[in-house]
Amino acid sequence: LQLPRQLAALAGWPLLTPPAELLRVPHIKQPIHQAALMAWLRHARVDAWVWSADLLAYGGLIPSRLGFEPLETCIGIIEQCLPMLTQGAAFSSVLRIPNYNLAEEEPDYWASYGQALYQYSERHAQGLRPMTKELPDSVV
């Protein structure tokens, strides 16, 4: 919440944000309670919105990196919110592919296969045939 508040202050705009307790989770990989956020959205009175698609669809930035929700579920959540959010703009973070074996902010399998997944993606982006020998099909 700190950066949006600072940006709004620089622009001289009043800013209404969800209560911090709606955005707080016990673990970084756990999504927020999206139904509670949608209930807050229904009652908030604002002139315009700037909203995070990652937060609404996945429950947060880190949960959006995990990607275990079916696309249909994410689209359904966004569609439920659209009537409330027609005045304004949405943003989403560009997902990253870190080049290390650590799963702090990534899916758990990243601890074993992160670097190999990075190399796989890099080869694919260059139009080369990705090497899959060291990656299980379930990870790819």
N, C-alpha and C. Protein backbone atom coordinates (compact mmCIF):
# COMPACT_ATOMS: atom_id res chain seq x y z
N LEU A 1 0.81 -1.22 0.00
CA LEU A 1 0.00 0.00 0.00
C LEU A 1 0.84 1.26 0.00
N GLN A 2 2.09 1.16 0.43
CA GLN A 2 2.92 2.36 0.58
C GLN A 2 3.15 3.07 -0.76
N LEU A 3 3.51 2.34 -1.82
CA LEU A 3 3.80 2.99 -3.09
C LEU A 3 2.58 3.64 -3.72
N PRO A 4 1.42 2.98 -3.76
CA PRO A 4 0.24 3.68 -4.30
C PRO A 4 -0.10 4.94 -3.50
N ARG A 5 0.05 4.88 -2.20
CA ARG A 5 -0.22 6.07 -1.38
C ARG A 5 0.74 7.21 -1.73
N GLN A 6 2.01 6.88 -1.91
CA GLN A 6 2.99 7.90 -2.26
C GLN A 6 2.70 8.50 -3.63
N LEU A 7 2.35 7.67 -4.61
CA LEU A 7 2.03 8.17 -5.94
C LEU A 7 0.82 9.09 -5.92
N ALA A 8 -0.21 8.69 -5.21
CA ALA A 8 -1.42 9.52 -5.12
C ALA A 8 -1.09 10.85 -4.45
N ALA A 9 -0.28 10.83 -3.41
CA ALA A 9 0.09 12.06 -2.72
C ALA A 9 0.87 12.99 -3.65
N LEU A 10 1.77 12.42 -4.46
CA LEU A 10 2.53 13.24 -5.42
C LEU A 10 1.60 13.92 -6.43
N ALA A 11 0.55 13.22 -6.81
CA ALA A 11 -0.40 13.77 -7.78
C ALA A 11 -1.42 14.68 -7.12
N GLY A 12 -1.46 14.68 -5.79
CA GLY A 12 -2.45 15.48 -5.07
C GLY A 12 -3.84 14.88 -5.08
N TRP A 13 -3.91 13.56 -5.26
CA TRP A 13 -5.21 12.88 -5.32
C TRP A 13 -5.52 12.21 -3.98
N PRO A 14 -6.77 12.27 -3.57
CA PRO A 14 -7.16 11.47 -2.40
C PRO A 14 -7.16 9.99 -2.81
N LEU A 15 -6.84 9.13 -1.89
CA LEU A 15 -6.73 7.71 -2.21
C LEU A 15 -7.47 6.89 -1.15
N LEU A 16 -8.33 6.05 -1.61
CA LEU A 16 -9.03 5.11 -0.74
C LEU A 16 -8.49 3.72 -1.06
N THR A 17 -7.99 3.03 -0.05
CA THR A 17 -7.48 1.68 -0.24
C THR A 17 -8.24 0.73 0.66
N PRO A 18 -8.25 -0.55 0.31
CA PRO A 18 -8.88 -1.52 1.22
C PRO A 18 -8.17 -1.50 2.56
N PRO A 19 -8.88 -1.82 3.62
CA PRO A 19 -8.23 -1.90 4.93
C PRO A 19 -7.08 -2.91 4.89
N ALA A 20 -6.01 -2.59 5.57
CA ALA A 20 -4.82 -3.44 5.56
C ALA A 20 -5.13 -4.88 5.96
N GLU A 21 -6.08 -5.07 6.88
CA GLU A 21 -6.39 -6.44 7.31
C GLU A 21 -6.97 -7.29 6.17
N LEU A 22 -7.58 -6.65 5.17
CA LEU A 22 -8.07 -7.41 4.01
C LEU A 22 -6.93 -7.88 3.12
N LEU A 23 -5.80 -7.20 3.19
CA LEU A 23 -4.68 -7.51 2.32
C LEU A 23 -3.58 -8.31 3.02
N ARG A 24 -3.71 -8.48 4.32
CA ARG A 24 -2.69 -9.18 5.11
C ARG A 24 -2.96 -10.68 5.08
N VAL A 25 -1.91 -11.47 4.86
CA VAL A 25 -2.03 -12.93 4.86
C VAL A 25 -0.93 -13.51 5.76
N PRO A 26 -1.16 -14.70 6.31
CA PRO A 26 -0.16 -15.27 7.21
C PRO A 26 1.12 -15.72 6.50
N HIS A 27 1.04 -16.03 5.21
CA HIS A 27 2.22 -16.46 4.46
C HIS A 27 2.22 -15.80 3.09
N ILE A 28 3.39 -15.43 2.61
CA ILE A 28 3.55 -14.67 1.37
C ILE A 28 2.89 -15.36 0.16
N LYS A 29 2.84 -16.69 0.17
CA LYS A 29 2.27 -17.42 -0.97
C LYS A 29 0.76 -17.62 -0.85
N GLN A 30 0.20 -17.24 0.26
CA GLN A 30 -1.24 -17.43 0.47
C GLN A 30 -2.01 -16.25 -0.12
N PRO A 31 -3.07 -16.53 -0.89
CA PRO A 31 -3.87 -15.42 -1.44
C PRO A 31 -4.72 -14.76 -0.37
N ILE A 32 -5.07 -13.51 -0.62
CA ILE A 32 -6.00 -12.82 0.27
C ILE A 32 -7.37 -13.46 0.17
N HIS A 33 -8.26 -13.11 1.06
CA HIS A 33 -9.64 -13.58 1.02
C HIS A 33 -10.38 -12.72 -0.01
N GLN A 34 -10.49 -13.23 -1.23
CA GLN A 34 -11.02 -12.43 -2.33
C GLN A 34 -12.49 -12.06 -2.15
N ALA A 35 -13.27 -12.91 -1.51
CA ALA A 35 -14.68 -12.58 -1.29
C ALA A 35 -14.81 -11.37 -0.37
N ALA A 36 -13.95 -11.26 0.63
CA ALA A 36 -13.97 -10.10 1.53
C ALA A 36 -13.58 -8.83 0.77
N LEU A 37 -12.60 -8.94 -0.12
CA LEU A 37 -12.21 -7.79 -0.92
C LEU A 37 -13.35 -7.35 -1.83
N MET A 38 -14.03 -8.31 -2.46
CA MET A 38 -15.15 -7.95 -3.34
C MET A 38 -16.29 -7.31 -2.55
N ALA A 39 -16.51 -7.77 -1.33
CA ALA A 39 -17.53 -7.13 -0.49
C ALA A 39 -17.14 -5.69 -0.20
N TRP A 40 -15.87 -5.44 0.08
CA TRP A 40 -15.40 -4.07 0.31
C TRP A 40 -15.59 -3.22 -0.95
N LEU A 41 -15.26 -3.79 -2.11
CA LEU A 41 -15.41 -3.07 -3.38
C LEU A 41 -16.86 -2.63 -3.61
N ARG A 42 -17.80 -3.53 -3.28
CA ARG A 42 -19.22 -3.22 -3.50
C ARG A 42 -19.67 -2.00 -2.70
N HIS A 43 -19.06 -1.77 -1.55
CA HIS A 43 -19.50 -0.68 -0.67
C HIS A 43 -18.64 0.58 -0.77
N ALA A 44 -17.48 0.48 -1.42
CA ALA A 44 -16.59 1.64 -1.54
C ALA A 44 -17.20 2.64 -2.53
N ARG A 45 -17.14 3.89 -2.19
CA ARG A 45 -17.66 4.96 -3.06
C ARG A 45 -16.49 5.81 -3.55
N VAL A 46 -16.20 5.70 -4.84
CA VAL A 46 -15.08 6.43 -5.43
C VAL A 46 -15.47 6.96 -6.80
N ASP A 47 -14.72 7.91 -7.29
CA ASP A 47 -14.95 8.44 -8.63
C ASP A 47 -14.31 7.56 -9.70
N ALA A 48 -13.19 6.94 -9.38
CA ALA A 48 -12.48 6.09 -10.35
C ALA A 48 -11.63 5.07 -9.59
N TRP A 49 -11.31 4.00 -10.29
CA TRP A 49 -10.51 2.93 -9.72
C TRP A 49 -9.18 2.81 -10.43
N VAL A 50 -8.17 2.40 -9.72
CA VAL A 50 -6.94 1.85 -10.28
C VAL A 50 -6.79 0.53 -9.53
N TRP A 51 -6.91 -0.55 -10.25
CA TRP A 51 -6.95 -1.84 -9.57
C TRP A 51 -5.96 -2.84 -10.15
N SER A 52 -5.52 -3.72 -9.28
CA SER A 52 -4.54 -4.74 -9.62
C SER A 52 -5.25 -6.01 -10.07
N ALA A 53 -5.06 -6.38 -11.31
CA ALA A 53 -5.65 -7.62 -11.81
C ALA A 53 -5.04 -8.82 -11.09
N ASP A 54 -3.76 -8.73 -10.71
CA ASP A 54 -3.11 -9.82 -9.96
C ASP A 54 -3.80 -10.05 -8.62
N LEU A 55 -4.16 -8.97 -7.96
CA LEU A 55 -4.81 -9.08 -6.66
C LEU A 55 -6.21 -9.66 -6.80
N LEU A 56 -6.97 -9.14 -7.76
CA LEU A 56 -8.35 -9.63 -7.92
C LEU A 56 -8.40 -11.06 -8.43
N ALA A 57 -7.65 -11.38 -9.46
CA ALA A 57 -7.75 -12.70 -10.09
C ALA A 57 -7.08 -13.80 -9.28
N TYR A 58 -5.93 -13.48 -8.67
CA TYR A 58 -5.15 -14.51 -7.99
C TYR A 58 -5.06 -14.34 -6.49
N GLY A 59 -5.41 -13.17 -5.99
CA GLY A 59 -5.30 -12.94 -4.56
C GLY A 59 -3.99 -12.29 -4.15
N GLY A 60 -3.19 -11.82 -5.12
CA GLY A 60 -1.96 -11.12 -4.80
C GLY A 60 -0.88 -11.34 -5.84
N LEU A 61 0.19 -10.57 -5.74
CA LEU A 61 1.28 -10.67 -6.69
C LEU A 61 1.98 -12.03 -6.61
N ILE A 62 2.36 -12.43 -5.41
CA ILE A 62 3.07 -13.72 -5.28
C ILE A 62 2.15 -14.88 -5.66
N PRO A 63 0.89 -14.92 -5.19
CA PRO A 63 0.00 -16.00 -5.67
C PRO A 63 -0.17 -16.01 -7.19
N SER A 64 -0.07 -14.84 -7.84
CA SER A 64 -0.19 -14.83 -9.31
C SER A 64 0.99 -15.54 -9.97
N ARG A 65 2.12 -15.59 -9.30
CA ARG A 65 3.29 -16.28 -9.84
C ARG A 65 3.17 -17.80 -9.72
N LEU A 66 2.32 -18.24 -8.82
CA LEU A 66 2.20 -19.67 -8.59
C LEU A 66 1.34 -20.33 -9.66
N GLY A 67 0.29 -19.63 -10.10
CA GLY A 67 -0.47 -20.05 -11.27
C GLY A 67 -1.19 -21.37 -11.20
N PHE A 68 -1.71 -21.75 -10.08
CA PHE A 68 -2.41 -23.02 -9.99
C PHE A 68 -3.90 -22.90 -10.26
N GLU A 69 -4.43 -21.68 -10.34
CA GLU A 69 -5.85 -21.49 -10.58
C GLU A 69 -6.14 -21.66 -12.06
N PRO A 70 -7.23 -22.35 -12.39
CA PRO A 70 -7.61 -22.44 -13.80
C PRO A 70 -7.93 -21.04 -14.34
N LEU A 71 -7.61 -20.82 -15.60
CA LEU A 71 -7.87 -19.53 -16.23
C LEU A 71 -9.34 -19.14 -16.09
N GLU A 72 -10.22 -20.11 -16.22
CA GLU A 72 -11.66 -19.82 -16.13
C GLU A 72 -12.03 -19.24 -14.77
N THR A 73 -11.38 -19.71 -13.71
CA THR A 73 -11.64 -19.20 -12.37
C THR A 73 -11.22 -17.73 -12.28
N CYS A 74 -10.04 -17.42 -12.79
CA CYS A 74 -9.53 -16.04 -12.74
C CYS A 74 -10.42 -15.11 -13.56
N ILE A 75 -10.80 -15.54 -14.74
CA ILE A 75 -11.68 -14.73 -15.58
C ILE A 75 -13.02 -14.51 -14.89
N GLY A 76 -13.54 -15.55 -14.25
CA GLY A 76 -14.82 -15.43 -13.53
C GLY A 76 -14.76 -14.40 -12.42
N ILE A 77 -13.67 -14.38 -11.68
CA ILE A 77 -13.52 -13.40 -10.60
C ILE A 77 -13.48 -11.99 -11.17
N ILE A 78 -12.68 -11.79 -12.22
CA ILE A 78 -12.60 -10.47 -12.85
C ILE A 78 -13.97 -10.06 -13.38
N GLU A 79 -14.69 -10.97 -14.02
CA GLU A 79 -16.02 -10.64 -14.55
C GLU A 79 -16.98 -10.23 -13.44
N GLN A 80 -16.87 -10.84 -12.27
CA GLN A 80 -17.72 -10.45 -11.14
C GLN A 80 -17.42 -9.02 -10.70
N CYS A 81 -16.16 -8.62 -10.82
CA CYS A 81 -15.74 -7.30 -10.36
C CYS A 81 -15.99 -6.20 -11.38
N LEU A 82 -16.05 -6.53 -12.65
CA LEU A 82 -16.13 -5.51 -13.70
C LEU A 82 -17.26 -4.51 -13.51
N PRO A 83 -18.46 -4.92 -13.13
CA PRO A 83 -19.51 -3.90 -12.94
C PRO A 83 -19.15 -2.84 -11.90
N MET A 84 -18.32 -3.23 -10.92
CA MET A 84 -17.93 -2.29 -9.88
C MET A 84 -16.76 -1.42 -10.32
N LEU A 85 -16.02 -1.85 -11.32
CA LEU A 85 -14.73 -1.23 -11.64
C LEU A 85 -14.70 -0.61 -13.04
N THR A 86 -15.83 -0.22 -13.57
CA THR A 86 -15.86 0.27 -14.95
C THR A 86 -15.18 1.61 -15.13
N GLN A 87 -15.17 2.45 -14.14
CA GLN A 87 -14.51 3.75 -14.23
C GLN A 87 -13.09 3.62 -13.69
N GLY A 88 -12.11 3.55 -14.56
CA GLY A 88 -10.74 3.49 -14.08
C GLY A 88 -9.88 2.62 -14.96
N ALA A 89 -8.84 2.09 -14.37
CA ALA A 89 -7.86 1.32 -15.12
C ALA A 89 -7.35 0.16 -14.29
N ALA A 90 -6.94 -0.88 -14.98
CA ALA A 90 -6.36 -2.05 -14.34
C ALA A 90 -4.88 -2.13 -14.70
N PHE A 91 -4.12 -2.77 -13.84
CA PHE A 91 -2.72 -3.04 -14.16
C PHE A 91 -2.38 -4.45 -13.71
N SER A 92 -1.37 -5.00 -14.32
CA SER A 92 -0.90 -6.33 -13.97
C SER A 92 0.61 -6.34 -14.08
N SER A 93 1.25 -7.09 -13.25
CA SER A 93 2.70 -7.20 -13.30
C SER A 93 3.11 -8.19 -14.37
N VAL A 94 4.23 -7.94 -15.00
CA VAL A 94 4.78 -8.88 -15.95
C VAL A 94 5.46 -9.98 -15.15
N LEU A 95 5.04 -11.21 -15.41
CA LEU A 95 5.63 -12.31 -14.66
C LEU A 95 7.09 -12.47 -15.05
N ARG A 96 7.88 -12.86 -14.09
CA ARG A 96 9.31 -13.00 -14.32
C ARG A 96 9.70 -14.46 -14.24
N ILE A 97 10.84 -14.76 -14.78
CA ILE A 97 11.39 -16.11 -14.69
C ILE A 97 12.80 -15.96 -14.10
N PRO A 98 12.92 -16.10 -12.78
CA PRO A 98 14.23 -15.93 -12.16
C PRO A 98 15.18 -17.08 -12.50
N ASN A 99 16.44 -16.76 -12.54
CA ASN A 99 17.49 -17.71 -12.93
C ASN A 99 18.18 -18.28 -11.69
N TYR A 100 17.41 -18.93 -10.84
CA TYR A 100 17.99 -19.55 -9.64
C TYR A 100 17.05 -20.63 -9.13
N ASN A 101 17.60 -21.49 -8.31
CA ASN A 101 16.82 -22.56 -7.68
C ASN A 101 16.41 -22.11 -6.28
N LEU A 102 15.33 -21.39 -6.21
CA LEU A 102 14.80 -20.90 -4.94
C LEU A 102 13.30 -20.72 -5.12
N ALA A 103 12.52 -21.15 -4.16
CA ALA A 103 11.07 -21.10 -4.29
C ALA A 103 10.43 -20.15 -3.29
N GLU A 104 11.14 -19.12 -2.88
CA GLU A 104 10.59 -18.20 -1.90
C GLU A 104 9.34 -17.49 -2.42
N GLU A 105 9.38 -17.02 -3.67
CA GLU A 105 8.25 -16.31 -4.27
C GLU A 105 7.74 -17.02 -5.51
N GLU A 106 8.18 -18.22 -5.75
CA GLU A 106 7.79 -18.99 -6.92
C GLU A 106 7.13 -20.29 -6.47
N PRO A 107 6.62 -21.07 -7.43
CA PRO A 107 6.07 -22.38 -7.06
C PRO A 107 7.14 -23.24 -6.39
N ASP A 108 6.72 -24.19 -5.59
CA ASP A 108 7.65 -25.01 -4.82
C ASP A 108 8.67 -25.74 -5.70
N TYR A 109 8.25 -26.18 -6.90
CA TYR A 109 9.17 -26.91 -7.76
C TYR A 109 10.33 -26.03 -8.25
N TRP A 110 10.23 -24.72 -8.09
CA TRP A 110 11.30 -23.81 -8.52
C TRP A 110 12.58 -24.07 -7.71
N ALA A 111 12.45 -24.57 -6.50
CA ALA A 111 13.63 -24.85 -5.68
C ALA A 111 14.55 -25.89 -6.33
N SER A 112 13.96 -26.80 -7.09
CA SER A 112 14.75 -27.84 -7.76
C SER A 112 15.00 -27.54 -9.24
N TYR A 113 14.09 -26.83 -9.88
CA TYR A 113 14.15 -26.70 -11.34
C TYR A 113 14.18 -25.26 -11.85
N GLY A 114 14.33 -24.27 -10.99
CA GLY A 114 14.27 -22.88 -11.42
C GLY A 114 15.27 -22.51 -12.49
N GLN A 115 16.52 -22.88 -12.28
CA GLN A 115 17.56 -22.52 -13.25
C GLN A 115 17.33 -23.24 -14.58
N ALA A 116 16.93 -24.50 -14.52
CA ALA A 116 16.66 -25.25 -15.75
C ALA A 116 15.45 -24.67 -16.48
N LEU A 117 14.44 -24.23 -15.74
CA LEU A 117 13.27 -23.60 -16.37
C LEU A 117 13.65 -22.27 -17.04
N TYR A 118 14.53 -21.53 -16.40
CA TYR A 118 15.01 -20.28 -16.99
C TYR A 118 15.71 -20.58 -18.33
N GLN A 119 16.61 -21.57 -18.32
CA GLN A 119 17.33 -21.92 -19.54
C GLN A 119 16.38 -22.44 -20.61
N TYR A 120 15.40 -23.22 -20.20
CA TYR A 120 14.37 -23.72 -21.13
C TYR A 120 13.66 -22.54 -21.79
N SER A 121 13.23 -21.58 -20.99
CA SER A 121 12.51 -20.41 -21.50
C SER A 121 13.40 -19.55 -22.40
N GLU A 122 14.65 -19.40 -22.01
CA GLU A 122 15.58 -18.60 -22.81
C GLU A 122 15.78 -19.21 -24.19
N ARG A 123 15.98 -20.52 -24.24
CA ARG A 123 16.14 -21.20 -25.54
C ARG A 123 14.87 -21.06 -26.38
N HIS A 124 13.73 -21.23 -25.74
CA HIS A 124 12.46 -21.11 -26.45
C HIS A 124 12.30 -19.70 -27.04
N ALA A 125 12.62 -18.68 -26.26
CA ALA A 125 12.50 -17.29 -26.71
C ALA A 125 13.44 -16.99 -27.88
N GLN A 126 14.55 -17.70 -27.95
CA GLN A 126 15.51 -17.49 -29.04
C GLN A 126 15.18 -18.33 -30.27
N GLY A 127 14.07 -19.07 -30.19
CA GLY A 127 13.68 -19.91 -31.32
C GLY A 127 14.45 -21.21 -31.39
N LEU A 128 15.16 -21.56 -30.33
CA LEU A 128 15.91 -22.80 -30.28
C LEU A 128 15.07 -23.89 -29.64
N ARG A 129 15.40 -25.11 -29.90
CA ARG A 129 14.67 -26.22 -29.29
C ARG A 129 15.07 -26.30 -27.81
N PRO A 130 14.09 -26.13 -26.90
CA PRO A 130 14.41 -26.19 -25.47
C PRO A 130 14.89 -27.59 -25.07
N MET A 131 15.83 -27.64 -24.17
CA MET A 131 16.32 -28.89 -23.61
C MET A 131 15.39 -29.31 -22.48
N THR A 132 14.79 -30.46 -22.58
CA THR A 132 13.85 -30.91 -21.55
C THR A 132 14.34 -32.12 -20.78
N LYS A 133 15.53 -32.60 -21.09
CA LYS A 133 16.04 -33.82 -20.47
C LYS A 133 16.02 -33.74 -18.94
N GLU A 134 16.40 -32.58 -18.39
CA GLU A 134 16.50 -32.46 -16.94
C GLU A 134 15.21 -31.96 -16.28
N LEU A 135 14.15 -31.78 -17.06
CA LEU A 135 12.87 -31.27 -16.53
C LEU A 135 11.77 -32.32 -16.66
N PRO A 136 11.13 -32.67 -15.56
CA PRO A 136 9.99 -33.58 -15.66
C PRO A 136 8.84 -32.92 -16.46
N ASP A 137 8.07 -33.72 -17.16
CA ASP A 137 6.95 -33.20 -17.95
C ASP A 137 5.99 -32.38 -17.07
N SER A 138 5.79 -32.81 -15.82
CA SER A 138 4.86 -32.10 -14.93
C SER A 138 5.34 -30.69 -14.62
N VAL A 139 6.64 -30.46 -14.65
CA VAL A 139 7.20 -29.14 -14.38
C VAL A 139 7.12 -28.26 -15.64
N VAL A 140 7.41 -28.87 -16.79
CA VAL A 140 7.34 -28.12 -18.04
C VAL A 140 5.89 -27.73 -18.30
